[in-house]
Structures are given as structure tokens and as C-alpha cells.
């Protein structure tokens, strides 16, 4: 799956000459956490987050008067507080690569570019929504977490055994196990009882860590 599947198309943007106060007002109005910054030619020149704007604003403990703070914020432009070295992705970037970049670079969003132009943005919220979808959280079923031997055919055999018992796999994910000899598998199944499911997967797992109806 690529970024184009989950990104926000045509995101809200501001210019580099936008006042910090106006940028903050837009963030609050539209309930977003970051805004790509474009220049007069509509080229991406930066990105500003809600945190950037808050840090740029005078402290509530400031001795400045309301009028002085308003005047200060009116003069302070986004170009002074934005991040100029923007990390971007394209529509064809894999979702997992976008997530890895966000984790490695400690950023909450990535502008999406096409031929040098901004076409979208993908954020940590988009990744969370996809994570929820991946685990089938909106469907009822039996959720299993089990250690499975890191051997060819084990997962395929387990899936076949579940199918033979009439079970339907809603979602399936694999993660690092306790060591190199096994994998941690989390999956959700419906159309099968708990006891039948346990019997079906028993020959293929090291142990069942968790089994619950959700």
C-alpha cells in the first residue's frame, strides 16, 4: 500500500509571510496540527507545526500587555519559525517507509510531492487509522496473539487449518518474536469457536499468549 491510499489530499497551506497569529488561528479552526508553507510560486519552502507556533508565542507569564503581545504576533511571520529543511515523500512511497521516516526523523507529518508540487500530506493520525484498519478493530472476532516457529510453511499451515475448521481470517500481522527462532503473530478470526480455534492452531504455535473475543 502506498501513501496515496491514506494521505490527505489538497491540505491546508499558508504562505511564508503569514503572521504566526493567523497560522495558529487556521490550525485551531481546521483542527490540524501542521501546515505546509508555500512561497508565491506555490513551491514548498517549509512546514510549521502547532508546537512551533506555541513556542513562538509570548509566554502567558510575560509582562507584555495584551496590546503589545498582539502587535508582536502581528509582526512575527511564519518564515521565522517554520522548519525549512522539509522531509517529503511521494504518492508512491510505501506506507511502512513513510512510517519509518516519521519515527527515525521524529516528525509527525510528511508533505507529499508530485513533480515538485505539493499534492497532499500524510500524518501520524493517518498511520494510526491504518493501524486500526490493519487489525480489523471494527469487526467482531477472536483475537489471537501467539508465538509461531520461524519455519517455512508454519503460517500457511496454520491458516489452512483455521480455514478447514470453517474459520475466516479477518486480519493478520507478524512481529519480532522472543528470539530469532520465532515470530509473534497477531490475528483475528470469525466464524469459529474459541475451543475449535485453539485446537486448529495448536500444532503450529510455540504457545498462545493471548486469546480473547473482541
N, C-alpha and C. Protein backbone atom coordinates (compact mmCIF):
# COMPACT_ATOMS: atom_id res chain seq x y z
N UNK A 1 0.84 -1.19 0.00
CA UNK A 1 0.00 0.00 0.00
C UNK A 1 0.88 1.25 0.00
N UNK A 2 0.47 2.25 -0.76
CA UNK A 2 1.27 3.46 -0.87
C UNK A 2 0.63 4.63 -0.14
N UNK A 3 1.40 5.70 0.00
CA UNK A 3 0.95 6.90 0.70
C UNK A 3 -0.34 7.46 0.10
N UNK A 4 -0.50 7.33 -1.22
CA UNK A 4 -1.67 7.89 -1.89
C UNK A 4 -2.97 7.32 -1.33
N UNK A 5 -2.90 6.14 -0.73
CA UNK A 5 -4.11 5.47 -0.20
C UNK A 5 -4.66 6.16 1.04
N UNK A 6 -3.81 6.77 1.85
CA UNK A 6 -4.27 7.30 3.14
C UNK A 6 -3.98 8.79 3.34
N UNK A 7 -3.25 9.42 2.43
CA UNK A 7 -2.88 10.82 2.65
C UNK A 7 -4.09 11.75 2.55
N UNK A 8 -3.95 12.92 3.13
CA UNK A 8 -4.94 13.98 2.97
C UNK A 8 -4.61 14.76 1.70
N UNK A 9 -5.55 14.78 0.77
CA UNK A 9 -5.32 15.49 -0.49
C UNK A 9 -5.57 16.99 -0.30
N UNK A 10 -4.84 17.79 -1.05
CA UNK A 10 -5.01 19.25 -1.03
C UNK A 10 -5.10 19.80 0.40
N UNK A 11 -4.04 19.63 1.19
CA UNK A 11 -4.07 20.07 2.59
C UNK A 11 -4.10 21.58 2.71
N UNK A 12 -4.50 22.05 3.88
CA UNK A 12 -4.47 23.49 4.16
C UNK A 12 -3.01 23.94 4.14
N UNK A 13 -2.76 25.10 3.54
CA UNK A 13 -1.41 25.64 3.46
C UNK A 13 -1.42 27.11 3.83
N UNK A 14 -0.24 27.64 4.07
CA UNK A 14 -0.08 29.07 4.32
C UNK A 14 1.14 29.55 3.54
N UNK A 15 1.28 30.86 3.43
CA UNK A 15 2.46 31.43 2.80
C UNK A 15 3.51 31.74 3.85
N UNK A 16 4.74 31.94 3.40
CA UNK A 16 5.80 32.23 4.37
C UNK A 16 5.66 33.61 4.99
N UNK A 17 4.80 34.46 4.44
CA UNK A 17 4.56 35.78 5.01
C UNK A 17 3.34 35.82 5.93
N UNK A 18 2.72 34.69 6.16
CA UNK A 18 1.58 34.63 7.06
C UNK A 18 2.02 34.94 8.49
N UNK A 19 1.24 35.72 9.19
CA UNK A 19 1.54 36.04 10.59
C UNK A 19 1.35 34.79 11.44
N UNK A 20 2.17 34.64 12.46
CA UNK A 20 2.08 33.50 13.36
C UNK A 20 0.68 33.39 13.96
N UNK A 21 0.09 34.52 14.34
CA UNK A 21 -1.25 34.51 14.94
C UNK A 21 -2.28 33.97 13.95
N UNK A 22 -2.14 34.33 12.68
CA UNK A 22 -3.09 33.85 11.66
C UNK A 22 -2.91 32.36 11.41
N UNK A 23 -1.67 31.90 11.43
CA UNK A 23 -1.40 30.48 11.25
C UNK A 23 -2.00 29.68 12.40
N UNK A 24 -1.85 30.17 13.61
CA UNK A 24 -2.41 29.49 14.78
C UNK A 24 -3.93 29.46 14.70
N UNK A 25 -4.52 30.54 14.24
CA UNK A 25 -5.98 30.60 14.12
C UNK A 25 -6.48 29.56 13.11
N UNK A 26 -5.75 29.39 12.01
CA UNK A 26 -6.12 28.41 11.00
C UNK A 26 -6.00 26.99 11.54
N UNK A 27 -4.94 26.73 12.29
CA UNK A 27 -4.76 25.41 12.89
C UNK A 27 -5.90 25.07 13.83
N UNK A 28 -6.33 26.03 14.63
CA UNK A 28 -7.43 25.79 15.56
C UNK A 28 -8.75 25.63 14.82
N UNK A 29 -8.96 26.44 13.82
CA UNK A 29 -10.23 26.39 13.07
C UNK A 29 -10.40 25.08 12.34
N UNK A 30 -9.34 24.62 11.68
CA UNK A 30 -9.44 23.42 10.85
C UNK A 30 -9.05 22.15 11.57
N UNK A 31 -8.64 22.29 12.84
CA UNK A 31 -8.29 21.13 13.68
C UNK A 31 -7.19 20.27 13.04
N UNK A 32 -6.12 20.95 12.62
CA UNK A 32 -4.94 20.28 12.11
C UNK A 32 -3.77 20.61 13.03
N UNK A 33 -2.65 19.90 12.86
CA UNK A 33 -1.52 20.10 13.76
C UNK A 33 -0.29 20.67 13.07
N UNK A 34 -0.35 20.76 11.74
CA UNK A 34 0.79 21.30 10.99
C UNK A 34 0.32 21.83 9.66
N UNK A 35 1.08 22.78 9.14
CA UNK A 35 0.72 23.41 7.87
C UNK A 35 1.93 23.51 6.96
N UNK A 36 1.86 22.98 5.74
CA UNK A 36 2.93 23.21 4.76
C UNK A 36 2.96 24.70 4.41
N UNK A 37 4.17 25.20 4.16
CA UNK A 37 4.36 26.62 3.85
C UNK A 37 4.81 26.75 2.39
N UNK A 38 4.09 27.56 1.63
CA UNK A 38 4.40 27.75 0.22
C UNK A 38 4.83 29.18 -0.04
N UNK A 39 5.68 29.35 -1.07
CA UNK A 39 6.07 30.71 -1.45
C UNK A 39 5.10 31.22 -2.52
N UNK A 40 5.41 32.36 -3.12
CA UNK A 40 4.50 32.98 -4.09
C UNK A 40 4.32 32.14 -5.34
N UNK A 41 5.30 31.27 -5.64
CA UNK A 41 5.21 30.40 -6.82
C UNK A 41 4.58 29.06 -6.47
N UNK A 42 4.02 28.95 -5.25
CA UNK A 42 3.36 27.73 -4.77
C UNK A 42 4.35 26.58 -4.58
N UNK A 43 5.61 26.93 -4.38
CA UNK A 43 6.63 25.92 -4.11
C UNK A 43 6.73 25.72 -2.59
N UNK A 44 6.94 24.48 -2.19
CA UNK A 44 7.08 24.17 -0.77
C UNK A 44 8.41 24.72 -0.25
N UNK A 45 8.33 25.56 0.78
CA UNK A 45 9.54 26.15 1.34
C UNK A 45 9.69 25.85 2.84
N UNK A 46 8.70 25.19 3.41
CA UNK A 46 8.80 24.89 4.83
C UNK A 46 7.55 24.20 5.35
N UNK A 47 7.58 23.90 6.62
CA UNK A 47 6.40 23.35 7.31
C UNK A 47 6.43 23.87 8.73
N UNK A 48 5.26 24.18 9.26
CA UNK A 48 5.18 24.72 10.62
C UNK A 48 4.16 23.90 11.40
N UNK A 49 4.52 23.56 12.62
CA UNK A 49 3.63 22.77 13.46
C UNK A 49 2.99 23.66 14.52
N UNK A 50 1.96 23.11 15.15
CA UNK A 50 1.30 23.83 16.23
C UNK A 50 2.31 24.12 17.35
N UNK A 51 3.19 23.17 17.60
CA UNK A 51 4.20 23.35 18.64
C UNK A 51 5.15 24.50 18.29
N UNK A 52 5.54 24.59 17.02
CA UNK A 52 6.41 25.70 16.58
C UNK A 52 5.76 27.04 16.89
N UNK A 53 4.46 27.13 16.60
CA UNK A 53 3.75 28.39 16.79
C UNK A 53 3.57 28.72 18.27
N UNK A 54 3.35 27.68 19.07
CA UNK A 54 3.19 27.92 20.51
C UNK A 54 4.50 28.41 21.12
N UNK A 55 5.61 27.81 20.69
CA UNK A 55 6.91 28.24 21.21
C UNK A 55 7.24 29.66 20.77
N UNK A 56 6.70 30.05 19.62
CA UNK A 56 6.98 31.39 19.11
C UNK A 56 6.14 32.46 19.80
N UNK A 57 5.04 32.04 20.45
CA UNK A 57 4.15 32.99 21.09
C UNK A 57 4.68 33.40 22.46
N UNK A 58 4.38 34.62 22.89
CA UNK A 58 4.82 35.06 24.23
C UNK A 58 4.23 34.18 25.32
N UNK A 59 4.98 33.95 26.36
CA UNK A 59 4.50 33.16 27.49
C UNK A 59 3.34 33.86 28.19
N UNK A 60 2.38 33.08 28.73
CA UNK A 60 1.29 33.70 29.50
C UNK A 60 1.81 34.49 30.69
N UNK A 61 3.03 34.15 31.15
CA UNK A 61 3.62 34.86 32.29
C UNK A 61 4.35 36.13 31.85
N UNK A 62 4.30 36.41 30.58
CA UNK A 62 5.01 37.58 30.07
C UNK A 62 4.45 38.87 30.68
N UNK A 63 5.33 39.85 30.82
CA UNK A 63 4.91 41.15 31.37
C UNK A 63 4.35 42.06 30.29
N UNK A 64 4.35 41.56 29.04
CA UNK A 64 3.80 42.37 27.95
C UNK A 64 2.29 42.51 28.11
N UNK A 65 1.77 43.63 27.71
CA UNK A 65 0.32 43.84 27.74
C UNK A 65 -0.32 43.08 26.58
N UNK A 66 -1.62 42.94 26.62
CA UNK A 66 -2.34 42.26 25.53
C UNK A 66 -2.08 42.96 24.21
N UNK A 67 -2.05 44.26 24.22
CA UNK A 67 -1.84 45.02 23.00
C UNK A 67 -0.42 44.82 22.47
N UNK A 68 0.53 44.78 23.39
CA UNK A 68 1.93 44.57 22.99
C UNK A 68 2.13 43.17 22.40
N UNK A 69 1.47 42.15 23.02
CA UNK A 69 1.59 40.79 22.50
C UNK A 69 0.94 40.68 21.14
N UNK A 70 -0.22 41.32 20.97
CA UNK A 70 -0.91 41.29 19.68
C UNK A 70 -0.06 41.93 18.60
N UNK A 71 0.58 43.04 18.94
CA UNK A 71 1.43 43.74 17.98
C UNK A 71 2.65 42.89 17.62
N UNK A 72 3.20 42.21 18.62
CA UNK A 72 4.37 41.36 18.40
C UNK A 72 4.02 40.19 17.48
N UNK A 73 2.88 39.53 17.73
CA UNK A 73 2.48 38.40 16.92
C UNK A 73 2.10 38.83 15.50
N UNK A 74 1.58 40.03 15.37
CA UNK A 74 1.20 40.54 14.05
C UNK A 74 2.44 40.75 13.19
N UNK A 75 3.57 41.09 13.83
CA UNK A 75 4.81 41.33 13.08
C UNK A 75 5.58 40.04 12.83
N UNK A 76 5.39 39.06 13.69
CA UNK A 76 6.16 37.82 13.57
C UNK A 76 5.58 36.94 12.47
N UNK A 77 6.39 36.64 11.47
CA UNK A 77 5.94 35.85 10.33
C UNK A 77 6.35 34.39 10.46
N UNK A 78 5.59 33.54 9.77
CA UNK A 78 5.84 32.10 9.80
C UNK A 78 7.25 31.76 9.33
N UNK A 79 7.78 32.51 8.39
CA UNK A 79 9.11 32.23 7.86
C UNK A 79 10.19 32.23 8.94
N UNK A 80 9.91 32.91 10.07
CA UNK A 80 10.89 32.99 11.14
C UNK A 80 10.87 31.76 12.06
N UNK A 81 9.77 31.02 12.04
CA UNK A 81 9.64 29.91 12.99
C UNK A 81 9.46 28.54 12.30
N UNK A 82 9.25 28.53 11.00
CA UNK A 82 8.99 27.27 10.29
C UNK A 82 10.26 26.43 10.16
N UNK A 83 10.09 25.14 9.91
CA UNK A 83 11.19 24.25 9.57
C UNK A 83 11.42 24.35 8.08
N UNK A 84 12.64 24.73 7.70
CA UNK A 84 12.92 24.98 6.28
C UNK A 84 13.40 23.73 5.55
N UNK A 85 14.07 22.84 6.25
CA UNK A 85 14.54 21.60 5.61
C UNK A 85 13.46 20.55 5.79
N UNK A 86 12.54 20.52 4.82
CA UNK A 86 11.36 19.67 4.94
C UNK A 86 11.63 18.28 4.37
N UNK A 87 11.26 17.27 5.14
CA UNK A 87 11.35 15.89 4.68
C UNK A 87 10.05 15.55 3.97
N UNK A 88 10.13 15.09 2.74
CA UNK A 88 8.93 14.83 1.96
C UNK A 88 8.92 13.39 1.44
N UNK A 89 7.76 12.98 0.95
CA UNK A 89 7.60 11.70 0.28
C UNK A 89 6.78 11.92 -0.98
N UNK A 90 6.64 10.87 -1.78
CA UNK A 90 5.79 10.95 -2.97
C UNK A 90 4.55 10.09 -2.75
N UNK A 91 3.63 10.17 -3.68
CA UNK A 91 2.41 9.37 -3.59
C UNK A 91 2.71 7.88 -3.65
N UNK A 92 3.82 7.51 -4.28
CA UNK A 92 4.16 6.10 -4.46
C UNK A 92 5.05 5.55 -3.35
N UNK A 93 5.37 6.38 -2.35
CA UNK A 93 6.13 5.89 -1.20
C UNK A 93 5.29 4.87 -0.44
N UNK A 94 5.90 3.77 -0.05
CA UNK A 94 5.18 2.75 0.71
C UNK A 94 4.80 3.30 2.09
N UNK A 95 3.63 2.90 2.58
CA UNK A 95 3.15 3.35 3.88
C UNK A 95 4.17 3.05 4.98
N UNK A 96 4.73 1.83 4.95
CA UNK A 96 5.67 1.46 6.01
C UNK A 96 6.95 2.30 5.95
N UNK A 97 7.34 2.72 4.74
CA UNK A 97 8.52 3.58 4.63
C UNK A 97 8.22 4.97 5.17
N UNK A 98 7.02 5.47 4.91
CA UNK A 98 6.63 6.78 5.46
C UNK A 98 6.60 6.73 6.98
N UNK A 99 6.07 5.64 7.53
CA UNK A 99 6.02 5.48 8.99
C UNK A 99 7.43 5.42 9.57
N UNK A 100 8.31 4.68 8.90
CA UNK A 100 9.70 4.56 9.37
C UNK A 100 10.39 5.92 9.37
N UNK A 101 10.16 6.70 8.32
CA UNK A 101 10.77 8.04 8.23
C UNK A 101 10.30 8.92 9.38
N UNK A 102 9.00 8.87 9.67
CA UNK A 102 8.46 9.68 10.76
C UNK A 102 9.09 9.30 12.10
N UNK A 103 9.25 7.99 12.30
CA UNK A 103 9.86 7.51 13.56
C UNK A 103 11.33 7.92 13.62
N UNK A 104 12.08 7.65 12.53
CA UNK A 104 13.52 7.92 12.52
C UNK A 104 13.83 9.41 12.63
N UNK A 105 13.00 10.23 12.00
CA UNK A 105 13.25 11.68 11.98
C UNK A 105 12.47 12.43 13.06
N UNK A 106 11.65 11.69 13.82
CA UNK A 106 10.87 12.30 14.90
C UNK A 106 10.01 13.45 14.40
N UNK A 107 9.26 13.18 13.33
CA UNK A 107 8.33 14.18 12.79
C UNK A 107 6.93 13.57 12.77
N UNK A 108 5.92 14.43 12.83
CA UNK A 108 4.55 13.94 12.89
C UNK A 108 3.81 13.98 11.57
N UNK A 109 4.46 14.51 10.52
CA UNK A 109 3.80 14.60 9.23
C UNK A 109 4.79 14.81 8.10
N UNK A 110 4.42 14.34 6.91
CA UNK A 110 5.28 14.45 5.74
C UNK A 110 4.49 15.00 4.55
N UNK A 111 4.89 16.13 4.01
CA UNK A 111 4.26 16.61 2.78
C UNK A 111 4.46 15.60 1.65
N UNK A 112 3.46 15.47 0.81
CA UNK A 112 3.52 14.53 -0.32
C UNK A 112 3.66 15.34 -1.60
N UNK A 113 4.70 15.02 -2.38
CA UNK A 113 5.02 15.82 -3.56
C UNK A 113 4.83 15.03 -4.85
N UNK A 114 4.48 15.78 -5.91
CA UNK A 114 4.41 15.21 -7.25
C UNK A 114 4.99 16.24 -8.22
N UNK A 115 6.10 15.87 -8.86
CA UNK A 115 6.76 16.78 -9.82
C UNK A 115 7.04 18.14 -9.20
N UNK A 116 7.48 18.13 -7.94
CA UNK A 116 7.87 19.38 -7.29
C UNK A 116 6.73 20.17 -6.69
N UNK A 117 5.51 19.67 -6.80
CA UNK A 117 4.35 20.39 -6.27
C UNK A 117 3.70 19.59 -5.14
N UNK A 118 3.18 20.31 -4.16
CA UNK A 118 2.51 19.69 -3.03
C UNK A 118 1.14 19.17 -3.45
N UNK A 119 0.89 17.89 -3.19
CA UNK A 119 -0.41 17.30 -3.53
C UNK A 119 -1.12 16.70 -2.32
N UNK A 120 -0.42 16.64 -1.19
CA UNK A 120 -1.05 16.05 -0.02
C UNK A 120 -0.13 16.09 1.19
N UNK A 121 -0.60 15.48 2.26
CA UNK A 121 0.21 15.34 3.46
C UNK A 121 -0.22 14.06 4.17
N UNK A 122 0.74 13.33 4.70
CA UNK A 122 0.44 12.15 5.49
C UNK A 122 0.95 12.39 6.89
N UNK A 123 0.13 12.09 7.88
CA UNK A 123 0.47 12.38 9.27
C UNK A 123 0.39 11.12 10.12
N UNK A 124 0.85 11.25 11.34
CA UNK A 124 0.79 10.13 12.27
C UNK A 124 -0.64 9.68 12.51
N UNK A 125 -1.60 10.60 12.43
CA UNK A 125 -3.01 10.23 12.58
C UNK A 125 -3.46 9.30 11.47
N UNK A 126 -2.98 9.55 10.24
CA UNK A 126 -3.30 8.68 9.12
C UNK A 126 -2.74 7.28 9.35
N UNK A 127 -1.54 7.22 9.90
CA UNK A 127 -0.91 5.92 10.19
C UNK A 127 -1.69 5.19 11.27
N UNK A 128 -2.16 5.92 12.29
CA UNK A 128 -2.94 5.30 13.36
C UNK A 128 -4.25 4.72 12.82
N UNK A 129 -4.89 5.45 11.91
CA UNK A 129 -6.14 4.97 11.31
C UNK A 129 -5.89 3.68 10.52
N UNK A 130 -4.77 3.67 9.79
CA UNK A 130 -4.43 2.48 9.01
C UNK A 130 -4.10 1.32 9.93
N UNK A 131 -3.42 1.60 11.03
CA UNK A 131 -3.08 0.58 12.03
C UNK A 131 -4.35 -0.07 12.57
N UNK A 132 -5.35 0.77 12.84
CA UNK A 132 -6.63 0.28 13.33
C UNK A 132 -7.31 -0.60 12.28
N UNK A 133 -7.22 -0.18 11.03
CA UNK A 133 -7.80 -0.94 9.92
C UNK A 133 -7.08 -2.27 9.74
N UNK A 134 -5.76 -2.24 9.87
CA UNK A 134 -4.94 -3.43 9.70
C UNK A 134 -5.33 -4.53 10.67
N UNK A 135 -5.68 -4.15 11.90
CA UNK A 135 -6.03 -5.13 12.92
C UNK A 135 -7.53 -5.44 12.96
N UNK A 136 -8.27 -4.90 11.99
CA UNK A 136 -9.69 -5.22 11.91
C UNK A 136 -10.47 -4.84 13.16
N UNK A 137 -10.16 -3.70 13.74
CA UNK A 137 -10.76 -3.33 15.02
C UNK A 137 -12.26 -3.06 14.95
N UNK A 138 -12.78 -2.83 13.76
CA UNK A 138 -14.21 -2.54 13.63
C UNK A 138 -15.04 -3.80 13.37
N UNK A 139 -14.38 -4.96 13.38
CA UNK A 139 -15.09 -6.22 13.16
C UNK A 139 -14.95 -7.10 14.39
N UNK A 140 -16.03 -7.80 14.73
CA UNK A 140 -16.01 -8.71 15.87
C UNK A 140 -15.31 -10.01 15.49
N UNK A 141 -14.64 -10.62 16.45
CA UNK A 141 -14.00 -11.89 16.19
C UNK A 141 -13.13 -12.32 17.36
N UNK A 142 -12.42 -13.41 17.17
CA UNK A 142 -11.47 -13.91 18.16
C UNK A 142 -10.09 -13.37 17.80
N UNK A 143 -9.48 -12.66 18.74
CA UNK A 143 -8.15 -12.09 18.51
C UNK A 143 -7.11 -12.95 19.20
N UNK A 144 -6.12 -13.37 18.43
CA UNK A 144 -5.10 -14.28 18.95
C UNK A 144 -3.72 -13.64 18.84
N UNK A 145 -2.92 -13.77 19.88
CA UNK A 145 -1.51 -13.44 19.82
C UNK A 145 -0.76 -14.71 20.20
N UNK A 146 0.12 -15.16 19.31
CA UNK A 146 0.82 -16.43 19.55
C UNK A 146 2.23 -16.37 19.00
N UNK A 147 3.11 -17.15 19.62
CA UNK A 147 4.46 -17.32 19.11
C UNK A 147 4.44 -18.47 18.10
N UNK A 148 4.95 -18.21 16.90
CA UNK A 148 4.97 -19.20 15.82
C UNK A 148 6.42 -19.46 15.42
N UNK A 149 6.81 -20.71 15.27
CA UNK A 149 8.19 -21.02 14.87
C UNK A 149 8.56 -20.33 13.55
N UNK A 150 9.76 -19.83 13.49
CA UNK A 150 10.26 -19.18 12.28
C UNK A 150 10.72 -20.26 11.31
N UNK A 151 9.73 -20.95 10.74
CA UNK A 151 10.00 -22.03 9.80
C UNK A 151 9.09 -21.90 8.58
N UNK A 152 9.60 -22.25 7.45
CA UNK A 152 8.83 -22.15 6.22
C UNK A 152 7.55 -23.00 6.30
N UNK A 153 6.44 -22.39 5.93
CA UNK A 153 5.19 -23.12 5.86
C UNK A 153 4.35 -23.14 7.12
N UNK A 154 4.89 -22.67 8.25
CA UNK A 154 4.15 -22.71 9.50
C UNK A 154 2.90 -21.83 9.44
N UNK A 155 3.07 -20.61 8.99
CA UNK A 155 1.92 -19.70 8.93
C UNK A 155 0.90 -20.18 7.91
N UNK A 156 1.39 -20.65 6.76
CA UNK A 156 0.48 -21.18 5.74
C UNK A 156 -0.31 -22.37 6.28
N UNK A 157 0.39 -23.25 7.01
CA UNK A 157 -0.29 -24.41 7.58
C UNK A 157 -1.34 -24.01 8.60
N UNK A 158 -1.02 -23.03 9.42
CA UNK A 158 -1.97 -22.55 10.42
C UNK A 158 -3.20 -21.94 9.76
N UNK A 159 -2.99 -21.14 8.72
CA UNK A 159 -4.10 -20.52 8.01
C UNK A 159 -5.00 -21.59 7.38
N UNK A 160 -4.38 -22.62 6.81
CA UNK A 160 -5.15 -23.71 6.21
C UNK A 160 -5.97 -24.46 7.26
N UNK A 161 -5.37 -24.68 8.43
CA UNK A 161 -6.06 -25.39 9.50
C UNK A 161 -7.27 -24.60 9.99
N UNK A 162 -7.11 -23.28 10.09
CA UNK A 162 -8.23 -22.42 10.50
C UNK A 162 -9.34 -22.49 9.47
N UNK A 163 -8.97 -22.43 8.20
CA UNK A 163 -9.95 -22.48 7.11
C UNK A 163 -10.70 -23.81 7.11
N UNK A 164 -9.99 -24.91 7.35
CA UNK A 164 -10.62 -26.25 7.37
C UNK A 164 -11.67 -26.37 8.47
N UNK A 165 -11.47 -25.61 9.55
CA UNK A 165 -12.43 -25.62 10.65
C UNK A 165 -13.58 -24.64 10.43
N UNK A 166 -13.58 -23.98 9.27
CA UNK A 166 -14.63 -23.03 8.96
C UNK A 166 -14.35 -21.61 9.37
N UNK A 167 -13.15 -21.35 9.89
CA UNK A 167 -12.79 -20.00 10.32
C UNK A 167 -12.42 -19.09 9.18
N UNK A 168 -12.63 -17.81 9.38
CA UNK A 168 -12.31 -16.78 8.39
C UNK A 168 -11.35 -15.77 9.00
N UNK A 169 -10.17 -15.65 8.42
CA UNK A 169 -9.16 -14.72 8.96
C UNK A 169 -9.48 -13.30 8.52
N UNK A 170 -9.73 -12.44 9.49
CA UNK A 170 -10.07 -11.04 9.22
C UNK A 170 -8.82 -10.19 9.05
N UNK A 171 -7.84 -10.43 9.90
CA UNK A 171 -6.60 -9.66 9.84
C UNK A 171 -5.45 -10.52 10.32
N UNK A 172 -4.23 -10.14 9.90
CA UNK A 172 -3.06 -10.94 10.29
C UNK A 172 -1.83 -10.05 10.24
N UNK A 173 -1.02 -10.11 11.30
CA UNK A 173 0.22 -9.35 11.36
C UNK A 173 1.32 -10.14 12.05
N UNK A 174 2.55 -9.96 11.60
CA UNK A 174 3.68 -10.63 12.24
C UNK A 174 4.66 -9.59 12.76
N UNK A 175 5.28 -9.92 13.90
CA UNK A 175 6.20 -9.01 14.56
C UNK A 175 7.40 -9.80 15.07
N UNK A 176 8.40 -9.10 15.56
CA UNK A 176 9.57 -9.77 16.11
C UNK A 176 9.16 -10.63 17.30
N UNK A 177 9.68 -11.85 17.35
CA UNK A 177 9.37 -12.75 18.45
C UNK A 177 10.32 -12.58 19.61
N UNK A 178 10.38 -13.59 20.46
CA UNK A 178 11.27 -13.53 21.63
C UNK A 178 12.73 -13.69 21.23
N UNK A 179 12.97 -14.40 20.13
CA UNK A 179 14.31 -14.55 19.59
C UNK A 179 14.19 -14.88 18.10
N UNK A 180 15.31 -15.19 17.46
CA UNK A 180 15.29 -15.42 16.01
C UNK A 180 14.58 -16.70 15.61
N UNK A 181 14.25 -17.55 16.58
CA UNK A 181 13.62 -18.83 16.25
C UNK A 181 12.11 -18.75 16.11
N UNK A 182 11.53 -17.59 16.45
CA UNK A 182 10.08 -17.49 16.36
C UNK A 182 9.62 -16.08 15.99
N UNK A 183 8.35 -15.99 15.62
CA UNK A 183 7.72 -14.71 15.31
C UNK A 183 6.49 -14.55 16.18
N UNK A 184 6.16 -13.31 16.48
CA UNK A 184 4.94 -13.02 17.23
C UNK A 184 3.85 -12.72 16.22
N UNK A 185 2.82 -13.50 16.19
CA UNK A 185 1.73 -13.32 15.24
C UNK A 185 0.46 -12.87 15.97
N UNK A 186 -0.18 -11.86 15.44
CA UNK A 186 -1.45 -11.38 15.97
C UNK A 186 -2.46 -11.42 14.84
N UNK A 187 -3.56 -12.11 15.06
CA UNK A 187 -4.57 -12.21 14.01
C UNK A 187 -5.96 -12.29 14.62
N UNK A 188 -6.95 -11.99 13.79
CA UNK A 188 -8.34 -12.03 14.22
C UNK A 188 -9.11 -12.94 13.28
N UNK A 189 -9.97 -13.76 13.88
CA UNK A 189 -10.72 -14.77 13.13
C UNK A 189 -12.19 -14.73 13.55
N UNK A 190 -13.10 -14.95 12.60
CA UNK A 190 -14.50 -15.13 12.96
C UNK A 190 -15.04 -16.42 12.35
N UNK A 191 -16.30 -16.71 12.61
CA UNK A 191 -16.97 -17.91 12.12
C UNK A 191 -16.37 -19.21 12.67
N UNK A 192 -15.80 -19.14 13.87
CA UNK A 192 -15.22 -20.31 14.52
C UNK A 192 -15.25 -20.09 16.03
N UNK A 193 -15.45 -21.17 16.81
CA UNK A 193 -15.47 -21.06 18.26
C UNK A 193 -14.07 -21.03 18.84
N UNK A 194 -13.98 -20.60 20.09
CA UNK A 194 -12.68 -20.46 20.74
C UNK A 194 -11.96 -21.81 20.88
N UNK A 195 -12.67 -22.83 21.32
CA UNK A 195 -12.03 -24.14 21.50
C UNK A 195 -11.57 -24.73 20.17
N UNK A 196 -12.41 -24.59 19.14
CA UNK A 196 -12.04 -25.10 17.82
C UNK A 196 -10.82 -24.38 17.28
N UNK A 197 -10.76 -23.08 17.52
CA UNK A 197 -9.61 -22.30 17.05
C UNK A 197 -8.33 -22.74 17.76
N UNK A 198 -8.41 -22.95 19.05
CA UNK A 198 -7.25 -23.40 19.81
C UNK A 198 -6.72 -24.74 19.29
N UNK A 199 -7.65 -25.66 19.03
CA UNK A 199 -7.24 -26.97 18.52
C UNK A 199 -6.62 -26.86 17.12
N UNK A 200 -7.17 -25.97 16.31
CA UNK A 200 -6.69 -25.83 14.93
C UNK A 200 -5.26 -25.30 14.87
N UNK A 201 -4.93 -24.33 15.74
CA UNK A 201 -3.62 -23.69 15.66
C UNK A 201 -2.57 -24.35 16.56
N UNK A 202 -3.01 -25.21 17.48
CA UNK A 202 -2.08 -25.81 18.45
C UNK A 202 -0.84 -26.45 17.81
N UNK A 203 -0.97 -27.20 16.70
CA UNK A 203 0.23 -27.84 16.12
C UNK A 203 1.22 -26.85 15.49
N UNK A 204 0.80 -25.60 15.34
CA UNK A 204 1.63 -24.66 14.59
C UNK A 204 2.24 -23.55 15.46
N UNK A 205 1.92 -23.54 16.75
CA UNK A 205 2.41 -22.46 17.60
C UNK A 205 3.28 -22.98 18.72
N UNK A 206 4.22 -22.13 19.16
CA UNK A 206 5.01 -22.45 20.35
C UNK A 206 4.12 -22.34 21.57
N UNK A 207 3.37 -21.25 21.63
CA UNK A 207 2.36 -21.09 22.68
C UNK A 207 1.44 -19.94 22.32
N UNK A 208 0.23 -20.02 22.84
CA UNK A 208 -0.74 -18.93 22.68
C UNK A 208 -0.55 -17.95 23.84
N UNK A 209 -0.25 -16.72 23.51
CA UNK A 209 -0.01 -15.70 24.53
C UNK A 209 -1.32 -15.06 24.98
N UNK A 210 -2.22 -14.85 24.04
CA UNK A 210 -3.48 -14.19 24.37
C UNK A 210 -4.54 -14.64 23.38
N UNK A 211 -5.74 -14.92 23.88
CA UNK A 211 -6.88 -15.28 23.03
C UNK A 211 -8.13 -14.71 23.67
N UNK A 212 -8.77 -13.82 22.97
CA UNK A 212 -9.96 -13.17 23.52
C UNK A 212 -10.94 -12.82 22.42
N UNK A 213 -12.19 -12.67 22.80
CA UNK A 213 -13.21 -12.23 21.85
C UNK A 213 -13.33 -10.73 21.93
N UNK A 214 -13.20 -10.07 20.81
CA UNK A 214 -13.29 -8.60 20.79
C UNK A 214 -14.14 -8.15 19.61
